[in-house]
């Protein structure tokens, strides 16, 4: 459900193919890199 919410809010790019979504690996990597922070 988190991924669907991110797609709907526009935070994660995706293409809708039929009833499912397709997300490019580069888009997932960019999303995670933008939100990554070092612990400690």
N, C-alpha and C. Protein backbone atom coordinates (compact mmCIF):
# COMPACT_ATOMS: atom_id res chain seq x y z
N UNK A 1 0.82 -1.20 0.00
CA UNK A 1 0.00 0.00 0.00
C UNK A 1 0.87 1.26 0.00
N UNK A 2 2.04 1.18 0.59
CA UNK A 2 2.93 2.35 0.63
C UNK A 2 3.33 2.76 -0.78
N UNK A 3 3.66 1.79 -1.61
CA UNK A 3 4.08 2.10 -2.98
C UNK A 3 2.93 2.74 -3.76
N UNK A 4 1.73 2.22 -3.61
CA UNK A 4 0.58 2.82 -4.28
C UNK A 4 0.37 4.26 -3.82
N UNK A 5 0.53 4.51 -2.54
CA UNK A 5 0.38 5.86 -2.01
C UNK A 5 1.45 6.79 -2.57
N UNK A 6 2.69 6.32 -2.69
CA UNK A 6 3.77 7.12 -3.25
C UNK A 6 3.52 7.44 -4.72
N UNK A 7 2.99 6.48 -5.46
CA UNK A 7 2.68 6.71 -6.87
C UNK A 7 1.57 7.75 -6.99
N UNK A 8 0.52 7.58 -6.21
CA UNK A 8 -0.62 8.50 -6.28
C UNK A 8 -0.24 9.93 -5.90
N UNK A 9 0.67 10.08 -4.94
CA UNK A 9 1.08 11.41 -4.50
C UNK A 9 2.11 12.04 -5.45
N UNK A 10 2.66 11.23 -6.36
CA UNK A 10 3.63 11.75 -7.32
C UNK A 10 5.07 11.68 -6.84
N UNK A 11 5.29 11.08 -5.68
CA UNK A 11 6.65 10.96 -5.16
C UNK A 11 7.46 9.89 -5.87
N UNK A 12 6.76 8.93 -6.46
CA UNK A 12 7.41 7.83 -7.18
C UNK A 12 6.78 7.71 -8.56
N UNK A 13 7.62 7.79 -9.60
CA UNK A 13 7.13 7.72 -10.97
C UNK A 13 6.78 6.28 -11.33
N UNK A 14 5.67 6.12 -12.05
CA UNK A 14 5.25 4.79 -12.49
C UNK A 14 4.37 4.93 -13.73
N UNK A 15 4.33 3.85 -14.50
CA UNK A 15 3.45 3.79 -15.66
C UNK A 15 2.40 2.72 -15.40
N UNK A 16 1.19 3.02 -15.73
CA UNK A 16 0.11 2.05 -15.55
C UNK A 16 -0.06 1.25 -16.83
N UNK A 17 0.08 -0.05 -16.71
CA UNK A 17 -0.10 -0.97 -17.83
C UNK A 17 -1.24 -1.90 -17.45
N UNK A 18 -2.40 -1.70 -18.07
CA UNK A 18 -3.57 -2.50 -17.70
C UNK A 18 -3.99 -2.15 -16.28
N UNK A 19 -4.03 -3.17 -15.43
CA UNK A 19 -4.42 -2.94 -14.04
C UNK A 19 -3.23 -2.86 -13.09
N UNK A 20 -2.02 -3.00 -13.62
CA UNK A 20 -0.84 -2.98 -12.76
C UNK A 20 0.05 -1.79 -13.09
N UNK A 21 0.98 -1.51 -12.19
CA UNK A 21 1.93 -0.42 -12.37
C UNK A 21 3.30 -0.98 -12.69
N UNK A 22 4.05 -0.24 -13.49
CA UNK A 22 5.45 -0.58 -13.79
C UNK A 22 6.31 0.57 -13.31
N UNK A 23 7.35 0.23 -12.57
CA UNK A 23 8.25 1.24 -12.02
C UNK A 23 9.66 0.91 -12.49
N UNK A 24 10.36 1.91 -13.03
CA UNK A 24 11.73 1.69 -13.47
C UNK A 24 12.65 1.57 -12.26
N UNK A 25 13.64 0.71 -12.39
CA UNK A 25 14.60 0.51 -11.31
C UNK A 25 15.32 1.81 -10.98
N UNK A 26 15.62 2.61 -11.99
CA UNK A 26 16.31 3.89 -11.77
C UNK A 26 15.46 4.83 -10.92
N UNK A 27 14.15 4.81 -11.11
CA UNK A 27 13.26 5.66 -10.33
C UNK A 27 13.21 5.23 -8.86
N UNK A 28 13.22 3.92 -8.64
CA UNK A 28 13.24 3.41 -7.26
C UNK A 28 14.56 3.79 -6.60
N UNK A 29 15.68 3.60 -7.31
CA UNK A 29 16.99 3.96 -6.76
C UNK A 29 17.07 5.44 -6.43
N UNK A 30 16.54 6.29 -7.32
CA UNK A 30 16.56 7.73 -7.09
C UNK A 30 15.71 8.09 -5.88
N UNK A 31 14.55 7.47 -5.74
CA UNK A 31 13.68 7.74 -4.59
C UNK A 31 14.38 7.37 -3.29
N UNK A 32 14.98 6.19 -3.26
CA UNK A 32 15.65 5.74 -2.04
C UNK A 32 16.89 6.59 -1.73
N UNK A 33 17.65 6.96 -2.74
CA UNK A 33 18.85 7.77 -2.53
C UNK A 33 18.49 9.14 -1.97
N UNK A 34 17.38 9.71 -2.41
CA UNK A 34 16.96 11.03 -1.95
C UNK A 34 16.52 11.00 -0.50
N UNK A 35 16.13 9.85 0.00
CA UNK A 35 15.62 9.75 1.37
C UNK A 35 16.55 8.99 2.31
N UNK A 36 17.70 8.60 1.82
CA UNK A 36 18.66 7.86 2.63
C UNK A 36 19.43 8.80 3.56
N UNK A 37 19.60 8.37 4.81
CA UNK A 37 20.44 9.14 5.73
C UNK A 37 21.28 8.16 6.55
N UNK A 38 22.51 8.55 6.83
CA UNK A 38 23.40 7.71 7.61
C UNK A 38 22.94 7.69 9.08
N UNK A 39 22.95 6.52 9.67
CA UNK A 39 22.59 6.39 11.09
C UNK A 39 23.79 6.70 11.94
N UNK A 40 23.55 7.36 13.04
CA UNK A 40 24.60 7.61 14.00
C UNK A 40 25.35 8.82 13.68
